[in-house]
């Protein structure tokens, strides 16, 4: 399972960073939920971050993210904090967070 995930490692990292963004504050989660409501997307699943030793959590994370693909696109268009999160740089000028998600991911 791990060997297959290495092929999509960059996409998995983008998904992890996107979920971190959404889960990092109540206002960000609310903005995400509003986008989902506008798109009439309902899903009872919550986002979980994966753990390296439990591949099933990676599967659950990817499965939940797939259901909200359109919401992430809308979030990128309507939530300025989402895009700026991925533009943040550290003291050396390197991007802190890989992302945002693209349709290819």
PDB file of N, CA and C in Angstrom:
ATOM      1  N   UNK A   1       0.826  -1.199   0.000  1.00  0.00           N
ATOM      2  CA  UNK A   1       0.000   0.000   0.000  1.00  0.00           C
ATOM      3  C   UNK A   1       0.864   1.255   0.000  1.00  0.00           C
ATOM      4  N   UNK A   2       1.905   1.260   0.796  1.00  0.00           N
ATOM      5  CA  UNK A   2       2.765   2.446   0.902  1.00  0.00           C
ATOM      6  C   UNK A   2       3.452   2.754  -0.418  1.00  0.00           C
ATOM      7  N   UNK A   3       3.869   1.706  -1.161  1.00  0.00           N
ATOM      8  CA  UNK A   3       4.538   1.939  -2.438  1.00  0.00           C
ATOM      9  C   UNK A   3       3.614   2.659  -3.410  1.00  0.00           C
ATOM     10  N   UNK A   4       2.351   2.300  -3.428  1.00  0.00           N
ATOM     11  CA  UNK A   4       1.387   2.962  -4.305  1.00  0.00           C
ATOM     12  C   UNK A   4       1.169   4.405  -3.916  1.00  0.00           C
ATOM     13  N   UNK A   5       1.191   4.689  -2.642  1.00  0.00           N
ATOM     14  CA  UNK A   5       1.000   6.071  -2.180  1.00  0.00           C
ATOM     15  C   UNK A   5       2.186   6.965  -2.515  1.00  0.00           C
ATOM     16  N   UNK A   6       3.379   6.371  -2.641  1.00  0.00           N
ATOM     17  CA  UNK A   6       4.557   7.176  -2.983  1.00  0.00           C
ATOM     18  C   UNK A   6       4.394   7.818  -4.350  1.00  0.00           C
ATOM     19  N   UNK A   7       3.649   7.157  -5.243  1.00  0.00           N
ATOM     20  CA  UNK A   7       3.431   7.696  -6.581  1.00  0.00           C
ATOM     21  C   UNK A   7       2.587   8.971  -6.556  1.00  0.00           C
ATOM     22  N   UNK A   8       1.737   9.095  -5.554  1.00  0.00           N
ATOM     23  CA  UNK A   8       0.862  10.270  -5.450  1.00  0.00           C
ATOM     24  C   UNK A   8       1.199  11.101  -4.214  1.00  0.00           C
ATOM     25  N   UNK A   9       2.443  11.004  -3.762  1.00  0.00           N
ATOM     26  CA  UNK A   9       2.863  11.653  -2.517  1.00  0.00           C
ATOM     27  C   UNK A   9       2.573  13.150  -2.493  1.00  0.00           C
ATOM     28  N   UNK A  10       2.861  13.863  -3.563  1.00  0.00           N
ATOM     29  CA  UNK A  10       2.644  15.317  -3.585  1.00  0.00           C
ATOM     30  C   UNK A  10       1.157  15.618  -3.425  1.00  0.00           C
ATOM     31  N   UNK A  11       0.310  14.842  -4.075  1.00  0.00           N
ATOM     32  CA  UNK A  11      -1.138  15.056  -3.950  1.00  0.00           C
ATOM     33  C   UNK A  11      -1.609  14.780  -2.526  1.00  0.00           C
ATOM     34  N   UNK A  12      -1.077  13.739  -1.914  1.00  0.00           N
ATOM     35  CA  UNK A  12      -1.456  13.423  -0.532  1.00  0.00           C
ATOM     36  C   UNK A  12      -1.037  14.550   0.400  1.00  0.00           C
ATOM     37  N   UNK A  13       0.149  15.109   0.194  1.00  0.00           N
ATOM     38  CA  UNK A  13       0.621  16.227   1.022  1.00  0.00           C
ATOM     39  C   UNK A  13      -0.288  17.441   0.826  1.00  0.00           C
ATOM     40  N   UNK A  14      -0.701  17.712  -0.409  1.00  0.00           N
ATOM     41  CA  UNK A  14      -1.612  18.827  -0.673  1.00  0.00           C
ATOM     42  C   UNK A  14      -2.934  18.619   0.054  1.00  0.00           C
ATOM     43  N   UNK A  15      -3.433  17.391   0.043  1.00  0.00           N
ATOM     44  CA  UNK A  15      -4.689  17.083   0.733  1.00  0.00           C
ATOM     45  C   UNK A  15      -4.515  17.263   2.238  1.00  0.00           C
ATOM     46  N   UNK A  16      -3.422  16.778   2.780  1.00  0.00           N
ATOM     47  CA  UNK A  16      -3.161  16.944   4.214  1.00  0.00           C
ATOM     48  C   UNK A  16      -3.123  18.420   4.584  1.00  0.00           C
ATOM     49  N   UNK A  17      -2.445  19.222   3.790  1.00  0.00           N
ATOM     50  CA  UNK A  17      -2.356  20.660   4.077  1.00  0.00           C
ATOM     51  C   UNK A  17      -3.714  21.341   3.959  1.00  0.00           C
ATOM     52  N   UNK A  18      -4.503  20.912   2.996  1.00  0.00           N
ATOM     53  CA  UNK A  18      -5.838  21.478   2.828  1.00  0.00           C
ATOM     54  C   UNK A  18      -6.713  21.151   4.030  1.00  0.00           C
ATOM     55  N   UNK A  19      -6.643  19.931   4.498  1.00  0.00           N
ATOM     56  CA  UNK A  19      -7.430  19.535   5.668  1.00  0.00           C
ATOM     57  C   UNK A  19      -6.944  20.284   6.907  1.00  0.00           C
ATOM     58  N   UNK A  20      -5.638  20.460   7.038  1.00  0.00           N
ATOM     59  CA  UNK A  20      -5.108  21.249   8.163  1.00  0.00           C
ATOM     60  C   UNK A  20      -5.674  22.664   8.134  1.00  0.00           C
ATOM     61  N   UNK A  21      -5.740  23.246   6.932  1.00  0.00           N
ATOM     62  CA  UNK A  21      -6.297  24.600   6.811  1.00  0.00           C
ATOM     63  C   UNK A  21      -7.741  24.619   7.303  1.00  0.00           C
ATOM     64  N   UNK A  22      -8.559  23.714   6.805  1.00  0.00           N
ATOM     65  CA  UNK A  22      -9.986  23.701   7.143  1.00  0.00           C
ATOM     66  C   UNK A  22     -10.187  23.454   8.632  1.00  0.00           C
ATOM     67  N   UNK A  23      -9.417  22.548   9.206  1.00  0.00           N
ATOM     68  CA  UNK A  23      -9.602  22.172  10.602  1.00  0.00           C
ATOM     69  C   UNK A  23      -8.903  23.095  11.597  1.00  0.00           C
ATOM     70  N   UNK A  24      -8.121  24.057  11.099  1.00  0.00           N
ATOM     71  CA  UNK A  24      -7.296  24.858  12.002  1.00  0.00           C
ATOM     72  C   UNK A  24      -8.063  25.911  12.798  1.00  0.00           C
ATOM     73  N   UNK A  25      -9.282  26.252  12.384  1.00  0.00           N
ATOM     74  CA  UNK A  25     -10.059  27.218  13.166  1.00  0.00           C
ATOM     75  C   UNK A  25     -11.551  27.039  12.872  1.00  0.00           C
ATOM     76  N   UNK A  26     -12.377  27.402  13.836  1.00  0.00           N
ATOM     77  CA  UNK A  26     -13.824  27.299  13.624  1.00  0.00           C
ATOM     78  C   UNK A  26     -14.316  28.157  12.461  1.00  0.00           C
ATOM     79  N   UNK A  27     -13.720  29.321  12.250  1.00  0.00           N
ATOM     80  CA  UNK A  27     -14.175  30.184  11.157  1.00  0.00           C
ATOM     81  C   UNK A  27     -13.833  29.583   9.795  1.00  0.00           C
ATOM     82  N   UNK A  28     -12.705  28.914   9.699  1.00  0.00           N
ATOM     83  CA  UNK A  28     -12.342  28.260   8.438  1.00  0.00           C
ATOM     84  C   UNK A  28     -13.254  27.068   8.169  1.00  0.00           C
ATOM     85  N   UNK A  29     -13.561  26.321   9.206  1.00  0.00           N
ATOM     86  CA  UNK A  29     -14.480  25.195   9.045  1.00  0.00           C
ATOM     87  C   UNK A  29     -15.865  25.689   8.650  1.00  0.00           C
ATOM     88  N   UNK A  30     -16.298  26.783   9.228  1.00  0.00           N
ATOM     89  CA  UNK A  30     -17.587  27.361   8.877  1.00  0.00           C
ATOM     90  C   UNK A  30     -17.604  27.820   7.417  1.00  0.00           C
ATOM     91  N   UNK A  31     -16.538  28.450   6.960  1.00  0.00           N
ATOM     92  CA  UNK A  31     -16.448  28.880   5.561  1.00  0.00           C
ATOM     93  C   UNK A  31     -16.523  27.671   4.634  1.00  0.00           C
ATOM     94  N   UNK A  32     -15.869  26.584   5.019  1.00  0.00           N
ATOM     95  CA  UNK A  32     -15.922  25.354   4.234  1.00  0.00           C
ATOM     96  C   UNK A  32     -17.343  24.809   4.175  1.00  0.00           C
ATOM     97  N   UNK A  33     -18.006  24.765   5.321  1.00  0.00           N
ATOM     98  CA  UNK A  33     -19.374  24.246   5.374  1.00  0.00           C
ATOM     99  C   UNK A  33     -20.335  25.102   4.556  1.00  0.00           C
ATOM    100  N   UNK A  34     -20.135  26.426   4.562  1.00  0.00           N
ATOM    101  CA  UNK A  34     -20.982  27.313   3.761  1.00  0.00           C
ATOM    102  C   UNK A  34     -20.800  27.036   2.274  1.00  0.00           C
ATOM    103  N   UNK A  35     -19.564  26.821   1.854  1.00  0.00           N
ATOM    104  CA  UNK A  35     -19.319  26.483   0.451  1.00  0.00           C
ATOM    105  C   UNK A  35     -20.003  25.166   0.091  1.00  0.00           C
ATOM    106  N   UNK A  36     -19.935  24.190   0.983  1.00  0.00           N
ATOM    107  CA  UNK A  36     -20.577  22.903   0.728  1.00  0.00           C
ATOM    108  C   UNK A  36     -22.091  23.063   0.612  1.00  0.00           C
ATOM    109  N   UNK A  37     -22.673  23.881   1.482  1.00  0.00           N
ATOM    110  CA  UNK A  37     -24.117  24.121   1.431  1.00  0.00           C
ATOM    111  C   UNK A  37     -24.527  24.785   0.119  1.00  0.00           C
ATOM    112  N   UNK A  38     -23.755  25.768  -0.323  1.00  0.00           N
ATOM    113  CA  UNK A  38     -24.059  26.462  -1.575  1.00  0.00           C
ATOM    114  C   UNK A  38     -24.029  25.507  -2.763  1.00  0.00           C
ATOM    115  N   UNK A  39     -23.167  24.505  -2.679  1.00  0.00           N
ATOM    116  CA  UNK A  39     -23.051  23.531  -3.758  1.00  0.00           C
ATOM    117  C   UNK A  39     -23.966  22.325  -3.553  1.00  0.00           C
ATOM    118  N   UNK A  40     -24.762  22.367  -2.488  1.00  0.00           N
ATOM    119  CA  UNK A  40     -25.696  21.285  -2.151  1.00  0.00           C
ATOM    120  C   UNK A  40     -24.976  19.944  -1.984  1.00  0.00           C
ATOM    121  N   UNK A  41     -23.829  20.002  -1.333  1.00  0.00           N
ATOM    122  CA  UNK A  41     -23.062  18.794  -1.066  1.00  0.00           C
ATOM    123  C   UNK A  41     -23.169  18.487   0.418  1.00  0.00           C
ATOM    124  N   UNK A  42     -23.729  17.318   0.693  1.00  0.00           N
ATOM    125  CA  UNK A  42     -23.870  16.890   2.082  1.00  0.00           C
ATOM    126  C   UNK A  42     -23.093  15.613   2.289  1.00  0.00           C
ATOM    127  N   UNK A  43     -22.362  15.604   3.336  1.00  0.00           N
ATOM    128  CA  UNK A  43     -21.632  14.398   3.704  1.00  0.00           C
ATOM    129  C   UNK A  43     -21.412  14.440   5.203  1.00  0.00           C
ATOM    130  N   UNK A  44     -21.761  13.389   5.854  1.00  0.00           N
ATOM    131  CA  UNK A  44     -21.651  13.342   7.315  1.00  0.00           C
ATOM    132  C   UNK A  44     -20.225  13.081   7.776  1.00  0.00           C
ATOM    133  N   UNK A  45     -19.376  12.659   6.854  1.00  0.00           N
ATOM    134  CA  UNK A  45     -18.005  12.332   7.240  1.00  0.00           C
ATOM    135  C   UNK A  45     -17.241  13.588   7.612  1.00  0.00           C
ATOM    136  N   UNK A  46     -16.420  13.452   8.620  1.00  0.00           N
ATOM    137  CA  UNK A  46     -15.546  14.565   8.978  1.00  0.00           C
ATOM    138  C   UNK A  46     -14.152  14.241   8.440  1.00  0.00           C
ATOM    139  N   UNK A  47     -13.359  15.259   8.316  1.00  0.00           N
ATOM    140  CA  UNK A  47     -12.012  15.058   7.807  1.00  0.00           C
ATOM    141  C   UNK A  47     -11.116  14.547   8.906  1.00  0.00           C
ATOM    142  N   UNK A  48     -10.337  13.555   8.569  1.00  0.00           N
ATOM    143  CA  UNK A  48      -9.328  13.086   9.507  1.00  0.00           C
ATOM    144  C   UNK A  48      -7.989  13.169   8.791  1.00  0.00           C
ATOM    145  N   UNK A  49      -6.976  13.477   9.540  1.00  0.00           N
ATOM    146  CA  UNK A  49      -5.633  13.438   8.974  1.00  0.00           C
ATOM    147  C   UNK A  49      -5.107  12.030   9.121  1.00  0.00           C
ATOM    148  N   UNK A  50      -4.320  11.620   8.166  1.00  0.00           N
ATOM    149  CA  UNK A  50      -3.800  10.267   8.208  1.00  0.00           C
ATOM    150  C   UNK A  50      -2.621  10.161   9.171  1.00  0.00           C
ATOM    151  N   UNK A  51      -2.285   8.931   9.479  1.00  0.00           N
ATOM    152  CA  UNK A  51      -1.156   8.606  10.338  1.00  0.00           C
ATOM    153  C   UNK A  51      -0.312   7.607   9.558  1.00  0.00           C
ATOM    154  N   UNK A  52       0.985   7.814   9.528  1.00  0.00           N
ATOM    155  CA  UNK A  52       1.869   6.990   8.700  1.00  0.00           C
ATOM    156  C   UNK A  52       1.743   5.492   8.983  1.00  0.00           C
ATOM    157  N   UNK A  53       1.437   5.123  10.191  1.00  0.00           N
ATOM    158  CA  UNK A  53       1.378   3.706  10.548  1.00  0.00           C
ATOM    159  C   UNK A  53       0.003   3.080  10.329  1.00  0.00           C
ATOM    160  N   UNK A  54      -0.974   3.891   9.914  1.00  0.00           N
ATOM    161  CA  UNK A  54      -2.333   3.355   9.710  1.00  0.00           C
ATOM    162  C   UNK A  54      -2.831   3.763   8.330  1.00  0.00           C
ATOM    163  N   UNK A  55      -2.603   2.894   7.345  1.00  0.00           N
ATOM    164  CA  UNK A  55      -2.968   3.208   5.967  1.00  0.00           C
ATOM    165  C   UNK A  55      -4.464   3.423   5.807  1.00  0.00           C
ATOM    166  N   UNK A  56      -5.283   2.798   6.661  1.00  0.00           N
ATOM    167  CA  UNK A  56      -6.728   2.956   6.513  1.00  0.00           C
ATOM    168  C   UNK A  56      -7.155   4.401   6.770  1.00  0.00           C
ATOM    169  N   UNK A  57      -6.433   5.140   7.594  1.00  0.00           N
ATOM    170  CA  UNK A  57      -6.747   6.551   7.807  1.00  0.00           C
ATOM    171  C   UNK A  57      -6.423   7.371   6.559  1.00  0.00           C
ATOM    172  N   UNK A  58      -5.379   6.981   5.850  1.00  0.00           N
ATOM    173  CA  UNK A  58      -5.076   7.656   4.582  1.00  0.00           C
ATOM    174  C   UNK A  58      -6.220   7.423   3.608  1.00  0.00           C
ATOM    175  N   UNK A  59      -6.712   6.197   3.539  1.00  0.00           N
ATOM    176  CA  UNK A  59      -7.838   5.887   2.660  1.00  0.00           C
ATOM    177  C   UNK A  59      -9.065   6.729   3.038  1.00  0.00           C
ATOM    178  N   UNK A  60      -9.390   6.787   4.324  1.00  0.00           N
ATOM    179  CA  UNK A  60     -10.552   7.562   4.776  1.00  0.00           C
ATOM    180  C   UNK A  60     -10.373   9.046   4.474  1.00  0.00           C
ATOM    181  N   UNK A  61      -9.156   9.555   4.632  1.00  0.00           N
ATOM    182  CA  UNK A  61      -8.876  10.952   4.329  1.00  0.00           C
ATOM    183  C   UNK A  61      -9.093  11.223   2.840  1.00  0.00           C
ATOM    184  N   UNK A  62      -8.582  10.352   1.992  1.00  0.00           N
ATOM    185  CA  UNK A  62      -8.731  10.525   0.544  1.00  0.00           C
ATOM    186  C   UNK A  62     -10.185  10.387   0.115  1.00  0.00           C
ATOM    187  N   UNK A  63     -10.882   9.441   0.707  1.00  0.00           N
ATOM    188  CA  UNK A  63     -12.294   9.219   0.368  1.00  0.00           C
ATOM    189  C   UNK A  63     -13.147  10.444   0.716  1.00  0.00           C
ATOM    190  N   UNK A  64     -12.931  11.001   1.892  1.00  0.00           N
ATOM    191  CA  UNK A  64     -13.698  12.179   2.309  1.00  0.00           C
ATOM    192  C   UNK A  64     -13.356  13.379   1.440  1.00  0.00           C
ATOM    193  N   UNK A  65     -12.095  13.536   1.095  1.00  0.00           N
ATOM    194  CA  UNK A  65     -11.670  14.667   0.272  1.00  0.00           C
ATOM    195  C   UNK A  65     -12.284  14.594  -1.115  1.00  0.00           C
ATOM    196  N   UNK A  66     -12.384  13.405  -1.657  1.00  0.00           N
ATOM    197  CA  UNK A  66     -12.965  13.235  -2.996  1.00  0.00           C
ATOM    198  C   UNK A  66     -14.410  13.721  -3.048  1.00  0.00           C
ATOM    199  N   UNK A  67     -15.154  13.468  -2.001  1.00  0.00           N
ATOM    200  CA  UNK A  67     -16.560  13.885  -1.959  1.00  0.00           C
ATOM    201  C   UNK A  67     -16.704  15.411  -1.962  1.00  0.00           C
ATOM    202  N   UNK A  68     -15.676  16.110  -1.497  1.00  0.00           N
ATOM    203  CA  UNK A  68     -15.737  17.560  -1.385  1.00  0.00           C
ATOM    204  C   UNK A  68     -14.872  18.274  -2.424  1.00  0.00           C
ATOM    205  N   UNK A  69     -14.538  17.610  -3.504  1.00  0.00           N
ATOM    206  CA  UNK A  69     -13.658  18.176  -4.531  1.00  0.00           C
ATOM    207  C   UNK A  69     -14.147  19.541  -5.013  1.00  0.00           C
ATOM    208  N   UNK A  70     -15.419  19.659  -5.333  1.00  0.00           N
ATOM    209  CA  UNK A  70     -15.977  20.921  -5.828  1.00  0.00           C
ATOM    210  C   UNK A  70     -15.955  21.999  -4.753  1.00  0.00           C
ATOM    211  N   UNK A  71     -16.081  21.598  -3.501  1.00  0.00           N
ATOM    212  CA  UNK A  71     -16.066  22.565  -2.404  1.00  0.00           C
ATOM    213  C   UNK A  71     -14.685  23.208  -2.298  1.00  0.00           C
ATOM    214  N   UNK A  72     -13.632  22.423  -2.472  1.00  0.00           N
ATOM    215  CA  UNK A  72     -12.286  22.977  -2.397  1.00  0.00           C
ATOM    216  C   UNK A  72     -12.025  23.952  -3.537  1.00  0.00           C
ATOM    217  N   UNK A  73     -12.563  23.658  -4.716  1.00  0.00           N
ATOM    218  CA  UNK A  73     -12.430  24.590  -5.840  1.00  0.00           C
ATOM    219  C   UNK A  73     -13.135  25.903  -5.495  1.00  0.00           C
ATOM    220  N   UNK A  74     -14.353  25.816  -4.974  1.00  0.00           N
ATOM    221  CA  UNK A  74     -15.115  27.007  -4.606  1.00  0.00           C
ATOM    222  C   UNK A  74     -14.429  27.761  -3.472  1.00  0.00           C
ATOM    223  N   UNK A  75     -13.889  27.029  -2.513  1.00  0.00           N
ATOM    224  CA  UNK A  75     -13.193  27.657  -1.393  1.00  0.00           C
ATOM    225  C   UNK A  75     -12.018  28.491  -1.904  1.00  0.00           C
ATOM    226  N   UNK A  76     -11.309  27.970  -2.891  1.00  0.00           N
ATOM    227  CA  UNK A  76     -10.198  28.701  -3.476  1.00  0.00           C
ATOM    228  C   UNK A  76     -10.629  29.980  -4.161  1.00  0.00           C
ATOM    229  N   UNK A  77     -11.865  30.004  -4.655  1.00  0.00           N
ATOM    230  CA  UNK A  77     -12.383  31.181  -5.341  1.00  0.00           C
ATOM    231  C   UNK A  77     -13.001  32.192  -4.383  1.00  0.00           C
ATOM    232  N   UNK A  78     -13.549  31.721  -3.283  1.00  0.00           N
ATOM    233  CA  UNK A  78     -14.325  32.608  -2.415  1.00  0.00           C
ATOM    234  C   UNK A  78     -13.685  32.927  -1.066  1.00  0.00           C
ATOM    235  N   UNK A  79     -12.653  32.223  -0.699  1.00  0.00           N
ATOM    236  CA  UNK A  79     -12.049  32.413   0.621  1.00  0.00           C
ATOM    237  C   UNK A  79     -10.590  32.854   0.459  1.00  0.00           C
ATOM    238  N   UNK A  80     -10.306  34.145   0.602  1.00  0.00           N
ATOM    239  CA  UNK A  80      -8.939  34.638   0.406  1.00  0.00           C
ATOM    240  C   UNK A  80      -7.914  33.983   1.337  1.00  0.00           C
ATOM    241  N   UNK A  81      -8.327  33.637   2.538  1.00  0.00           N
ATOM    242  CA  UNK A  81      -7.389  33.021   3.493  1.00  0.00           C
ATOM    243  C   UNK A  81      -6.900  31.666   2.995  1.00  0.00           C
ATOM    244  N   UNK A  82      -7.742  30.974   2.223  1.00  0.00           N
ATOM    245  CA  UNK A  82      -7.372  29.657   1.696  1.00  0.00           C
ATOM    246  C   UNK A  82      -6.161  29.775   0.775  1.00  0.00           C
ATOM    247  N   UNK A  83      -6.242  30.669  -0.174  1.00  0.00           N
ATOM    248  CA  UNK A  83      -5.127  30.817  -1.112  1.00  0.00           C
ATOM    249  C   UNK A  83      -3.890  31.399  -0.430  1.00  0.00           C
ATOM    250  N   UNK A  84      -4.081  32.350   0.471  1.00  0.00           N
ATOM    251  CA  UNK A  84      -2.920  32.958   1.135  1.00  0.00           C
ATOM    252  C   UNK A  84      -2.207  31.958   2.045  1.00  0.00           C
ATOM    253  N   UNK A  85      -2.942  30.975   2.572  1.00  0.00           N
ATOM    254  CA  UNK A  85      -2.347  29.924   3.399  1.00  0.00           C
ATOM    255  C   UNK A  85      -1.247  29.194   2.627  1.00  0.00           C
ATOM    256  N   UNK A  86      -1.463  29.000   1.348  1.00  0.00           N
ATOM    257  CA  UNK A  86      -0.491  28.277   0.536  1.00  0.00           C
ATOM    258  C   UNK A  86       0.600  29.181  -0.042  1.00  0.00           C
ATOM    259  N   UNK A  87       0.483  30.459   0.178  1.00  0.00           N
ATOM    260  CA  UNK A  87       1.507  31.396  -0.282  1.00  0.00           C
ATOM    261  C   UNK A  87       2.460  31.813   0.832  1.00  0.00           C
ATOM    262  N   UNK A  88       2.163  31.399   2.070  1.00  0.00           N
ATOM    263  CA  UNK A  88       3.016  31.764   3.202  1.00  0.00           C
ATOM    264  C   UNK A  88       4.425  31.209   3.003  1.00  0.00           C
ATOM    265  N   UNK A  89       5.412  32.007   3.380  1.00  0.00           N
ATOM    266  CA  UNK A  89       6.811  31.579   3.265  1.00  0.00           C
ATOM    267  C   UNK A  89       7.489  31.657   4.635  1.00  0.00           C
ATOM    268  N   UNK A  90       8.507  30.829   4.791  1.00  0.00           N
ATOM    269  CA  UNK A  90       9.257  30.857   6.043  1.00  0.00           C
ATOM    270  C   UNK A  90      10.357  31.908   5.955  1.00  0.00           C
ATOM    271  N   UNK A  91      11.206  31.967   6.954  1.00  0.00           N
ATOM    272  CA  UNK A  91      12.247  33.004   7.013  1.00  0.00           C
ATOM    273  C   UNK A  91      13.278  32.869   5.888  1.00  0.00           C
ATOM    274  N   UNK A  92      13.356  31.693   5.263  1.00  0.00           N
ATOM    275  CA  UNK A  92      14.299  31.473   4.163  1.00  0.00           C
ATOM    276  C   UNK A  92      13.655  31.706   2.796  1.00  0.00           C
ATOM    277  N   UNK A  93      12.385  32.063   2.804  1.00  0.00           N
ATOM    278  CA  UNK A  93      11.692  32.317   1.545  1.00  0.00           C
ATOM    279  C   UNK A  93      11.084  31.088   0.904  1.00  0.00           C
ATOM    280  N   UNK A  94      11.061  29.967   1.620  1.00  0.00           N
ATOM    281  CA  UNK A  94      10.468  28.737   1.100  1.00  0.00           C
ATOM    282  C   UNK A  94       8.994  28.664   1.479  1.00  0.00           C
ATOM    283  N   UNK A  95       8.191  28.098   0.591  1.00  0.00           N
ATOM    284  CA  UNK A  95       6.772  27.934   0.896  1.00  0.00           C
ATOM    285  C   UNK A  95       6.608  27.014   2.097  1.00  0.00           C
ATOM    286  N   UNK A  96       5.736  27.404   3.015  1.00  0.00           N
ATOM    287  CA  UNK A  96       5.477  26.596   4.207  1.00  0.00           C
ATOM    288  C   UNK A  96       4.587  25.399   3.893  1.00  0.00           C
ATOM    289  N   UNK A  97       3.610  25.603   3.019  1.00  0.00           N
ATOM    290  CA  UNK A  97       2.603  24.584   2.761  1.00  0.00           C
ATOM    291  C   UNK A  97       2.485  24.298   1.268  1.00  0.00           C
ATOM    292  N   UNK A  98       2.589  23.037   0.902  1.00  0.00           N
ATOM    293  CA  UNK A  98       2.400  22.648  -0.486  1.00  0.00           C
ATOM    294  C   UNK A  98       0.904  22.653  -0.774  1.00  0.00           C
ATOM    295  N   UNK A  99       0.514  23.261  -1.858  1.00  0.00           N
ATOM    296  CA  UNK A  99      -0.898  23.315  -2.212  1.00  0.00           C
ATOM    297  C   UNK A  99      -1.157  24.566  -3.014  1.00  0.00           C
ATOM    298  N   UNK A 100      -2.362  24.876  -3.270  1.00  0.00           N
ATOM    299  CA  UNK A 100      -3.624  24.213  -2.954  1.00  0.00           C
ATOM    300  C   UNK A 100      -3.899  23.034  -3.882  1.00  0.00           C
ATOM    301  N   UNK A 101      -5.006  22.363  -3.616  1.00  0.00           N
ATOM    302  CA  UNK A 101      -5.390  21.216  -4.439  1.00  0.00           C
ATOM    303  C   UNK A 101      -5.736  21.667  -5.845  1.00  0.00           C
ATOM    304  N   UNK A 102      -5.401  20.825  -6.802  1.00  0.00           N
ATOM    305  CA  UNK A 102      -5.819  21.067  -8.176  1.00  0.00           C
ATOM    306  C   UNK A 102      -6.746  19.920  -8.583  1.00  0.00           C
ATOM    307  N   UNK A 103      -7.396  20.034  -9.686  1.00  0.00           N
ATOM    308  CA  UNK A 103      -8.301  18.973 -10.138  1.00  0.00           C
ATOM    309  C   UNK A 103      -7.543  17.675 -10.413  1.00  0.00           C
ATOM    310  N   UNK A 104      -6.279  17.774 -10.759  1.00  0.00           N
ATOM    311  CA  UNK A 104      -5.471  16.581 -11.008  1.00  0.00           C
ATOM    312  C   UNK A 104      -5.230  15.793  -9.725  1.00  0.00           C
ATOM    313  N   UNK A 105      -5.180  16.498  -8.604  1.00  0.00           N
ATOM    314  CA  UNK A 105      -4.933  15.824  -7.330  1.00  0.00           C
ATOM    315  C   UNK A 105      -6.110  14.945  -6.979  1.00  0.00           C
TER     316      UNK A 105
END
